[in-house]
Amino acid sequence: MKIECFFSRGCESKKELEENLKRALNDEGIEAEISFREVSEEEARKLGIGGSPTIWINGEDIEPGINPGGLT
């Protein structure tokens, strides 16, 4: 499993997301490749990322359709 986490500069949820994600994977015994990537507004628009943070699992947004035009 590949988990990609995208966030804007200064995202206050990044640390909490990282802790919760690692805890949940550990609790469920799931192995995954996890990455955290800071993206600019322009990169977010190109990728179709609509919020910060945004999580993709195996290349799919876990909340598709959330303002796909940039960070909120």
N, C-alpha and C. Protein backbone atom coordinates (compact mmCIF):
# COMPACT_ATOMS: atom_id res chain seq x y z
N MET A 1 0.85 -1.17 0.00
CA MET A 1 0.00 0.00 0.00
C MET A 1 0.89 1.24 0.00
N LYS A 2 0.50 2.21 -0.80
CA LYS A 2 1.23 3.47 -0.87
C LYS A 2 0.31 4.60 -0.40
N ILE A 3 0.76 5.34 0.59
CA ILE A 3 -0.01 6.46 1.13
C ILE A 3 0.78 7.74 0.93
N GLU A 4 0.17 8.69 0.22
CA GLU A 4 0.81 9.98 -0.02
C GLU A 4 0.00 11.06 0.68
N CYS A 5 0.67 11.87 1.47
CA CYS A 5 0.03 12.95 2.20
C CYS A 5 0.57 14.27 1.67
N PHE A 6 -0.32 15.13 1.22
CA PHE A 6 0.05 16.42 0.67
C PHE A 6 -0.43 17.51 1.63
N PHE A 7 0.39 18.52 1.81
CA PHE A 7 0.02 19.59 2.73
C PHE A 7 0.60 20.91 2.25
N SER A 8 -0.02 22.00 2.67
CA SER A 8 0.47 23.34 2.34
C SER A 8 1.47 23.77 3.40
N ARG A 9 2.27 24.75 3.05
CA ARG A 9 3.22 25.32 4.01
C ARG A 9 2.45 25.85 5.21
N GLY A 10 2.89 25.49 6.39
CA GLY A 10 2.25 25.97 7.60
C GLY A 10 1.00 25.20 8.01
N CYS A 11 0.71 24.10 7.33
CA CYS A 11 -0.48 23.30 7.67
C CYS A 11 -0.37 22.84 9.12
N GLU A 12 -1.33 23.24 9.93
CA GLU A 12 -1.30 22.92 11.36
C GLU A 12 -1.71 21.48 11.65
N SER A 13 -2.23 20.77 10.66
CA SER A 13 -2.69 19.39 10.86
C SER A 13 -1.64 18.34 10.52
N LYS A 14 -0.52 18.75 9.93
CA LYS A 14 0.47 17.77 9.45
C LYS A 14 0.97 16.85 10.56
N LYS A 15 1.40 17.41 11.67
CA LYS A 15 1.96 16.60 12.75
C LYS A 15 0.93 15.62 13.30
N GLU A 16 -0.29 16.10 13.53
CA GLU A 16 -1.35 15.24 14.05
C GLU A 16 -1.69 14.15 13.04
N LEU A 17 -1.74 14.50 11.76
CA LEU A 17 -2.01 13.51 10.71
C LEU A 17 -0.95 12.42 10.74
N GLU A 18 0.31 12.82 10.78
CA GLU A 18 1.40 11.86 10.77
C GLU A 18 1.30 10.90 11.96
N GLU A 19 1.06 11.44 13.14
CA GLU A 19 0.94 10.60 14.35
C GLU A 19 -0.25 9.66 14.25
N ASN A 20 -1.41 10.17 13.85
CA ASN A 20 -2.62 9.35 13.77
C ASN A 20 -2.51 8.27 12.70
N LEU A 21 -1.93 8.63 11.56
CA LEU A 21 -1.78 7.67 10.48
C LEU A 21 -0.86 6.53 10.89
N LYS A 22 0.28 6.86 11.46
CA LYS A 22 1.21 5.81 11.88
C LYS A 22 0.61 4.93 12.97
N ARG A 23 -0.12 5.54 13.89
CA ARG A 23 -0.76 4.77 14.96
C ARG A 23 -1.81 3.82 14.39
N ALA A 24 -2.65 4.32 13.48
CA ALA A 24 -3.70 3.49 12.89
C ALA A 24 -3.12 2.32 12.11
N LEU A 25 -2.09 2.58 11.32
CA LEU A 25 -1.47 1.50 10.55
C LEU A 25 -0.86 0.47 11.48
N ASN A 26 -0.19 0.92 12.53
CA ASN A 26 0.40 0.02 13.50
C ASN A 26 -0.67 -0.81 14.22
N ASP A 27 -1.73 -0.14 14.67
CA ASP A 27 -2.81 -0.84 15.38
C ASP A 27 -3.47 -1.91 14.53
N GLU A 28 -3.57 -1.65 13.22
CA GLU A 28 -4.22 -2.59 12.31
C GLU A 28 -3.24 -3.58 11.67
N GLY A 29 -1.96 -3.42 11.98
CA GLY A 29 -0.95 -4.31 11.42
C GLY A 29 -0.77 -4.16 9.92
N ILE A 30 -0.95 -2.95 9.42
CA ILE A 30 -0.85 -2.68 7.98
C ILE A 30 0.51 -2.07 7.68
N GLU A 31 1.18 -2.64 6.69
CA GLU A 31 2.45 -2.08 6.23
C GLU A 31 2.17 -1.20 5.03
N ALA A 32 2.77 -0.02 5.01
CA ALA A 32 2.54 0.92 3.91
C ALA A 32 3.77 1.79 3.72
N GLU A 33 3.94 2.20 2.48
CA GLU A 33 4.95 3.21 2.15
C GLU A 33 4.25 4.56 2.32
N ILE A 34 4.76 5.39 3.22
CA ILE A 34 4.12 6.68 3.53
C ILE A 34 5.05 7.81 3.12
N SER A 35 4.48 8.81 2.44
CA SER A 35 5.26 10.00 2.11
C SER A 35 4.47 11.25 2.48
N PHE A 36 5.20 12.28 2.87
CA PHE A 36 4.62 13.58 3.20
C PHE A 36 5.27 14.60 2.28
N ARG A 37 4.45 15.37 1.59
CA ARG A 37 4.98 16.30 0.59
C ARG A 37 4.30 17.66 0.71
N GLU A 38 5.11 18.69 0.90
CA GLU A 38 4.60 20.06 0.90
C GLU A 38 4.39 20.48 -0.54
N VAL A 39 3.21 21.03 -0.83
CA VAL A 39 2.91 21.48 -2.19
C VAL A 39 2.50 22.94 -2.18
N SER A 40 2.83 23.62 -3.27
CA SER A 40 2.42 25.01 -3.45
C SER A 40 0.99 25.03 -3.98
N GLU A 41 0.39 26.20 -4.00
CA GLU A 41 -0.96 26.36 -4.56
C GLU A 41 -0.98 25.89 -6.02
N GLU A 42 0.05 26.25 -6.77
CA GLU A 42 0.11 25.85 -8.19
C GLU A 42 0.21 24.33 -8.35
N GLU A 43 1.07 23.70 -7.55
CA GLU A 43 1.19 22.23 -7.61
C GLU A 43 -0.12 21.56 -7.23
N ALA A 44 -0.79 22.10 -6.22
CA ALA A 44 -2.06 21.54 -5.78
C ALA A 44 -3.09 21.58 -6.91
N ARG A 45 -3.16 22.70 -7.62
CA ARG A 45 -4.09 22.81 -8.75
C ARG A 45 -3.77 21.77 -9.82
N LYS A 46 -2.49 21.63 -10.16
CA LYS A 46 -2.08 20.67 -11.19
C LYS A 46 -2.42 19.24 -10.81
N LEU A 47 -2.27 18.92 -9.52
CA LEU A 47 -2.54 17.57 -9.05
C LEU A 47 -4.02 17.33 -8.73
N GLY A 48 -4.81 18.39 -8.66
CA GLY A 48 -6.22 18.26 -8.30
C GLY A 48 -6.43 18.11 -6.80
N ILE A 49 -5.50 18.65 -6.03
CA ILE A 49 -5.58 18.58 -4.57
C ILE A 49 -6.45 19.73 -4.08
N GLY A 50 -7.42 19.42 -3.23
CA GLY A 50 -8.37 20.43 -2.83
C GLY A 50 -8.29 20.90 -1.40
N GLY A 51 -7.40 20.36 -0.61
CA GLY A 51 -7.34 20.78 0.79
C GLY A 51 -6.02 20.37 1.41
N SER A 52 -5.77 20.89 2.58
CA SER A 52 -4.54 20.56 3.28
C SER A 52 -4.87 20.14 4.70
N PRO A 53 -4.56 18.92 5.05
CA PRO A 53 -3.86 17.93 4.24
C PRO A 53 -4.81 17.16 3.32
N THR A 54 -4.23 16.54 2.32
CA THR A 54 -4.94 15.63 1.42
C THR A 54 -4.21 14.30 1.46
N ILE A 55 -4.96 13.21 1.48
CA ILE A 55 -4.37 11.88 1.54
C ILE A 55 -4.79 11.08 0.32
N TRP A 56 -3.81 10.50 -0.33
CA TRP A 56 -4.06 9.57 -1.43
C TRP A 56 -3.60 8.19 -1.00
N ILE A 57 -4.41 7.18 -1.30
CA ILE A 57 -4.02 5.79 -1.08
C ILE A 57 -3.97 5.12 -2.43
N ASN A 58 -2.80 4.60 -2.75
CA ASN A 58 -2.56 3.97 -4.06
C ASN A 58 -3.01 4.87 -5.20
N GLY A 59 -2.69 6.17 -5.07
CA GLY A 59 -2.96 7.14 -6.12
C GLY A 59 -4.37 7.69 -6.18
N GLU A 60 -5.23 7.31 -5.23
CA GLU A 60 -6.62 7.77 -5.20
C GLU A 60 -6.88 8.63 -3.97
N ASP A 61 -7.48 9.79 -4.19
CA ASP A 61 -7.83 10.70 -3.09
C ASP A 61 -8.88 10.03 -2.22
N ILE A 62 -8.69 10.05 -0.90
CA ILE A 62 -9.67 9.42 -0.02
C ILE A 62 -10.93 10.27 0.14
N GLU A 63 -10.88 11.53 -0.29
CA GLU A 63 -12.04 12.42 -0.27
C GLU A 63 -12.14 13.11 -1.63
N PRO A 64 -12.47 12.36 -2.67
CA PRO A 64 -12.52 12.96 -4.01
C PRO A 64 -13.59 14.04 -4.12
N GLY A 65 -13.30 15.03 -4.97
CA GLY A 65 -14.28 16.07 -5.22
C GLY A 65 -14.25 17.24 -4.26
N ILE A 66 -13.35 17.22 -3.29
CA ILE A 66 -13.25 18.33 -2.34
C ILE A 66 -12.46 19.45 -3.01
N ASN A 67 -13.15 20.50 -3.49
CA ASN A 67 -12.51 21.67 -4.10
C ASN A 67 -11.26 21.28 -4.88
N PRO A 68 -11.38 20.54 -5.98
CA PRO A 68 -10.21 20.03 -6.68
C PRO A 68 -9.39 21.09 -7.40
N GLY A 69 -9.53 22.35 -7.04
CA GLY A 69 -8.81 23.40 -7.73
C GLY A 69 -7.74 24.10 -6.93
N GLY A 70 -7.34 23.58 -5.81
CA GLY A 70 -6.29 24.22 -5.03
C GLY A 70 -6.49 24.03 -3.55
N LEU A 71 -5.55 24.49 -2.78
CA LEU A 71 -5.57 24.30 -1.34
C LEU A 71 -6.60 25.20 -0.67
N THR A 72 -7.17 24.69 0.42
CA THR A 72 -8.10 25.49 1.21
C THR A 72 -7.61 25.54 2.64
